[in-house]
Protein backbone atom coordinates (compact mmCIF):
# COMPACT_ATOMS: atom_id res chain seq x y z
CA MET A 1 2.46 -7.13 6.29
CA LEU A 2 2.27 -10.08 3.91
CA LEU A 3 -0.58 -12.52 3.27
CA LEU A 4 0.17 -15.52 1.05
CA LEU A 5 -3.09 -17.36 0.80
CA LEU A 6 -6.04 -16.23 -1.28
CA GLY A 7 -9.20 -15.30 0.55
CA ASP A 8 -11.47 -12.44 1.61
CA ASN A 9 -8.48 -10.12 2.11
CA GLU A 10 -7.26 -10.38 -1.47
CA ALA A 11 -7.41 -6.99 -3.22
CA GLN A 12 -8.57 -6.38 -6.73
CA ALA A 13 -5.90 -6.96 -9.39
CA GLU A 14 -3.02 -4.48 -9.02
CA GLU A 15 -5.08 -2.02 -6.94
CA LEU A 16 -2.37 -1.80 -4.29
CA ALA A 17 0.35 -1.41 -6.91
CA GLU A 18 -1.57 1.53 -8.35
CA HIS A 19 -2.04 2.89 -4.83
CA LEU A 20 1.74 3.01 -4.31
CA ALA A 21 2.31 4.52 -7.74
CA LYS A 22 0.11 7.54 -6.88
CA PHE A 23 2.33 8.75 -4.05
CA PRO A 24 1.97 11.48 -2.79
CA GLN A 25 -1.54 11.90 -4.30
CA TRP A 26 -3.00 9.50 -1.78
CA GLU A 27 -6.56 8.61 -0.84
CA LYS A 28 -7.77 6.19 1.82
CA LEU A 29 -8.30 2.67 0.49
CA THR A 30 -11.88 1.39 0.50
CA SER A 31 -11.19 -2.24 -0.54
CA VAL A 32 -9.59 -3.39 2.72
CA LYS A 33 -11.43 -6.08 4.67
CA PRO A 34 -11.71 -6.59 8.45
CA ALA A 35 -8.57 -8.24 9.81
CA GLU A 36 -9.12 -11.75 11.12
CA GLY A 37 -6.37 -14.05 12.32
CA ASP A 38 -2.69 -13.46 11.64
CA LEU A 39 -0.95 -12.46 8.43
CA VAL A 40 0.67 -15.34 6.53
CA TYR A 41 4.00 -14.60 4.88
CA PRO A 42 5.54 -16.26 1.83
CA ASN A 43 8.20 -18.85 2.60
CA TRP A 44 11.00 -16.74 1.12
CA ILE A 45 10.84 -14.36 4.06
CA ALA A 46 11.29 -17.10 6.69
CA GLY A 47 14.10 -16.69 9.22
CA LYS A 48 15.90 -13.83 10.91
CA TRP A 49 16.86 -10.62 9.08
CA LYS A 50 18.73 -7.43 9.59
CA VAL A 51 16.48 -4.77 8.06
CA THR A 52 17.81 -1.39 6.98
CA SER A 53 14.98 1.18 6.70
CA THR A 54 15.56 4.53 5.03
CA LEU A 55 13.04 7.36 4.91
CA VAL A 56 13.32 8.59 1.32
CA ASP A 57 10.36 11.00 1.11
CA LEU A 58 7.64 12.54 3.24
CA ALA A 59 4.69 14.86 2.69
CA ALA A 60 1.99 16.70 4.62
CA PRO A 61 -0.76 17.01 2.00
CA LEU A 62 -2.99 19.28 4.15
CA ALA A 63 -0.28 21.60 5.50
CA PRO A 64 -0.21 24.25 6.79
CA ASP A 65 -3.85 23.86 7.92
CA ILE A 66 -3.34 20.36 9.39
CA VAL A 67 0.03 18.90 10.43
CA THR A 68 0.45 15.89 12.73
CA PRO A 69 2.58 16.13 15.88
CA GLY A 70 6.17 15.17 15.11
CA PHE A 71 6.00 15.61 11.33
CA GLU A 72 8.54 18.41 11.15
CA GLY A 73 10.84 16.60 13.53
CA ASN A 74 10.71 13.52 11.29
CA ARG A 75 12.43 15.49 8.51
CA GLN A 76 15.67 14.90 10.40
CA GLN A 77 15.32 11.19 9.58
CA LEU A 78 15.26 11.79 5.81
CA ASN A 79 17.93 9.65 4.08
CA GLN A 80 19.22 8.40 7.43
CA PRO A 81 19.34 4.55 7.45
CA VAL A 82 18.06 2.79 10.58
CA SER A 83 18.79 -0.90 11.17
CA PHE A 84 17.05 -3.49 13.37
CA VAL A 85 16.51 -7.26 13.50
CA VAL A 86 13.27 -9.05 12.71
CA ARG A 87 12.22 -12.66 12.45
CA PHE A 88 9.47 -14.75 10.88
CA VAL A 89 8.51 -18.09 12.32
CA LYS A 90 6.34 -21.12 11.60
CA THR A 91 3.29 -21.65 13.78
CA GLN A 92 -0.03 -23.44 13.74
CA PRO A 93 -2.85 -21.29 12.35
CA ARG A 94 -5.32 -19.78 14.77
CA ILE A 95 -8.97 -20.77 14.67
CA SER A 96 -9.93 -17.43 13.07
CA SER A 97 -7.45 -18.07 10.25
CA LEU A 98 -8.95 -21.49 9.64
CA LYS A 99 -12.37 -19.96 9.23
CA ILE A 100 -11.05 -17.80 6.41
CA PHE A 101 -8.75 -20.43 4.91
CA PRO A 102 -10.18 -23.90 5.73
CA GLN A 103 -7.83 -25.39 3.12
CA ILE A 104 -4.89 -24.76 5.48
CA GLY A 105 -5.84 -27.57 7.82
CA TYR A 106 -4.76 -27.93 11.43
CA LYS A 107 -1.57 -29.78 10.50
CA SER A 108 -0.22 -27.16 8.09
CA PRO A 109 1.97 -24.57 9.86
CA ILE A 110 1.97 -21.01 8.54
CA LEU A 111 4.73 -18.40 8.47
CA VAL A 112 4.02 -15.31 10.61
CA ALA A 113 5.92 -12.38 12.03
CA ASP A 114 7.20 -12.54 15.58
CA ARG A 115 5.26 -9.43 16.34
CA ALA A 116 6.50 -8.72 19.88
CA PHE A 117 10.16 -9.26 18.90
CA ASN A 118 9.92 -7.27 15.69
CA SER A 119 7.98 -4.34 17.17
CA LEU A 120 10.30 -4.03 20.13
CA ASN A 121 13.41 -3.96 17.94
CA LEU A 122 11.85 -1.46 15.52
CA ALA A 123 10.69 0.87 18.31
CA ARG A 124 14.08 0.78 20.05
CA ALA A 125 15.89 1.44 16.81
CA TYR A 126 13.97 4.71 16.33
CA LEU A 127 13.37 5.78 19.94
CA GLY A 128 16.34 4.30 21.78
CA ASP A 129 16.69 1.28 24.07
CA GLU A 130 15.91 3.23 27.22
CA ALA A 131 12.72 4.75 25.81
CA VAL A 132 10.96 1.46 25.01
CA LEU A 133 10.36 -0.93 27.87
CA LEU A 134 8.27 -3.75 26.46
CA VAL A 135 5.93 -4.85 23.70
CA LYS A 136 3.03 -7.20 24.49
CA VAL A 137 0.82 -8.88 21.92
CA ASP A 138 -2.66 -9.93 22.97
CA PRO A 139 -2.55 -13.73 23.40
CA ASP A 140 -6.08 -13.93 21.99
CA SER A 141 -5.40 -11.75 18.94
CA PRO A 142 -2.20 -11.11 16.94
CA ASN A 143 -3.84 -7.91 15.72
CA ARG A 144 -3.70 -6.09 19.05
CA GLN A 145 -0.52 -5.01 20.85
CA ILE A 146 0.69 -2.51 23.43
CA THR A 147 4.08 -0.81 23.43
CA PHE A 148 5.11 0.30 26.93
CA LEU A 149 7.28 3.43 26.98
CA ARG A 150 9.06 5.34 29.73
CA SER A 151 7.10 7.59 32.09
CA SER A 152 4.06 5.28 32.01
CA ARG A 153 3.27 6.11 28.41
CA GLN A 154 1.70 3.49 26.14
CA LEU A 155 0.96 3.03 22.46
CA VAL A 156 -2.02 0.75 21.82
CA SER A 157 -2.13 -0.47 18.24
CA ILE A 158 -4.93 -2.54 16.71
CA VAL A 159 -4.94 -3.90 13.12
CA THR A 160 -8.51 -3.40 11.94
CA ALA A 161 -8.29 -4.14 8.19
CA ARG A 162 -5.96 -5.42 5.47
CA ALA A 163 -5.65 -6.32 1.82
CA THR A 164 -2.98 -8.00 -0.31
CA GLU A 165 -2.06 -8.78 -3.91
CA THR A 166 0.64 -10.46 -5.94
CA THR A 167 1.76 -8.69 -9.09
CA PRO A 168 2.78 -10.38 -12.37
CA ASP A 169 6.42 -9.40 -11.79
CA GLY A 170 6.53 -11.28 -8.49
CA LYS A 171 6.07 -8.46 -5.99
CA PHE A 172 3.97 -9.15 -2.93
CA ILE A 173 2.01 -6.08 -1.81
CA THR A 174 0.07 -5.63 1.35
CA THR A 175 -1.88 -2.95 3.16
CA GLU A 176 -2.72 -2.96 6.85
CA VAL A 177 -4.83 -0.36 8.65
CA PHE A 178 -4.07 0.34 12.31
CA GLN A 179 -5.99 2.26 14.93
CA GLN A 180 -3.53 3.84 17.38
CA LEU A 181 -3.99 5.34 20.80
CA PHE A 182 -1.18 7.20 22.59
CA LYS A 183 -1.76 7.21 26.35
CA GLY A 184 0.12 8.87 29.16
CA GLY A 185 0.63 12.36 27.78
CA SER A 186 -1.27 15.51 28.68
CA ARG A 187 -4.21 14.05 26.75
CA PRO A 188 -4.80 10.83 24.73
CA TYR A 189 -4.02 11.10 21.05
CA PHE A 190 -5.83 8.95 18.44
CA ASN A 191 -5.07 8.38 14.81
CA SER A 192 -5.40 5.84 12.00
CA VAL A 193 -2.35 4.54 10.10
CA GLU A 194 -2.32 2.75 6.77
CA SER A 195 0.89 0.94 5.79
CA THR A 196 1.29 -0.29 2.19
CA THR A 197 4.38 -2.29 1.33
CA ALA A 198 5.64 -3.96 -1.88
CA TYR A 199 8.16 -6.75 -1.22
CA HIS A 200 10.45 -8.10 -3.90
CA LYS A 201 12.74 -11.13 -3.61
CA LEU A 202 16.07 -10.41 -5.32
CA PRO A 203 17.99 -13.02 -7.30
CA ILE A 204 21.09 -14.24 -5.44
CA SER A 205 22.07 -10.94 -3.82
CA ASN A 206 22.61 -9.29 -0.49
CA PRO A 207 20.18 -7.76 0.45
CA ALA A 208 18.00 -10.71 -0.47
CA ILE A 209 14.74 -8.75 -0.29
CA GLU A 210 13.88 -5.14 -0.93
CA ALA A 211 10.65 -3.29 -0.26
CA ASP A 212 8.96 -0.01 -1.03
CA GLN A 213 6.75 1.14 1.84
CA VAL A 214 4.41 4.07 2.33
CA THR A 215 2.91 4.85 5.73
CA ALA A 216 -0.09 7.18 5.69
CA VAL A 217 -1.47 8.86 8.81
CA TYR A 218 -5.17 9.75 8.96
CA LEU A 219 -7.09 11.62 11.61
CA SER A 220 -9.42 9.68 13.87
CA PRO A 221 -13.10 10.62 14.24
CA GLN A 222 -12.21 12.10 17.68
CA ASP A 223 -10.07 14.80 16.04
CA PRO A 224 -11.78 18.17 15.53
CA ASP A 225 -10.31 18.37 11.98
CA TYR A 226 -11.56 14.89 11.02
CA PHE A 227 -14.27 16.04 8.61
CA LYS A 228 -12.01 18.72 7.12
CA ALA A 229 -9.41 16.08 6.24
CA GLY A 230 -11.97 13.65 4.82
CA SER A 231 -10.38 10.63 3.13
CA ARG A 232 -7.00 12.37 2.70
CA PRO A 233 -3.98 11.57 4.89
CA VAL A 234 -2.38 14.30 7.00
CA ALA A 235 1.11 12.79 6.75
CA LEU A 236 2.89 10.44 4.34
CA TYR A 237 6.22 8.70 4.82
CA ARG A 238 7.96 6.62 2.12
CA TYR A 239 10.67 4.14 3.10
CA ARG A 240 13.12 1.88 1.30
CA LEU A 241 13.60 -1.41 3.15
CA GLU A 242 16.49 -3.84 2.62
CA PHE A 243 16.54 -7.31 4.19
CA PHE A 244 19.91 -8.93 4.94
CA PRO A 245 20.03 -12.53 6.28
CA GLN A 246 21.31 -12.00 9.81
CA GLU A 247 24.01 -14.62 9.58
CA LEU A 248 25.35 -12.80 6.47
CA ALA A 249 24.56 -9.26 7.62
CA THR A 250 27.33 -6.76 7.10
CA THR A 251 27.48 -3.04 6.70
CA PRO A 252 24.70 -2.19 4.19
CA LYS A 253 25.79 -1.28 0.71
CA GLU A 254 26.12 2.38 -0.12
């Protein structure tokens, strides 16, 4: 999501901002670097938040030839706010992070997402409490997690690459690329997801943070239409995110 410190994952100046501005004319990013260690967030996102996420636009650039499962059903979520709680906590950096950012030092805690807590709340907000049983994060890697669903279904998600940038107007933009495997259905389903988000801290307001997020779905090499799709996504979803401090959270503004 957010990476505060400079390093190998820093994108070229304003490349991610331009990427967002091109929606829905979207192409796969080539500047992302392999994901190592956890993502470090800026201090202004520390704490617990009630997040309201609203799908404001969606597109299937290769339709009707190629449409991902569930795309048409997701139209029902358009302009329908969904709320859930997330939190960001201080922790000691992992060894892999110290290799990238030796200036951190072992005694300097970093701010990271509580991935299991956040993913569980997000999944239950969209799928329902009964549909999502558990989320486990690999203790050896924050970039790998499994979401356990009803009927022995699983979603395995691995962050493989990321990039970040800070814009002159104070926005923090990040891209993460996930490889996803859905297990437990009639046959396994693979895809690749790229999530690009621009976060902006607001001056003395509630919500305190807003974000513009685009999630792009790409076919995996296992898909028979992989070469036909090329570097283009098969589905795009654009969200508006609003972060309310949980202790102050009330009904979101209209």
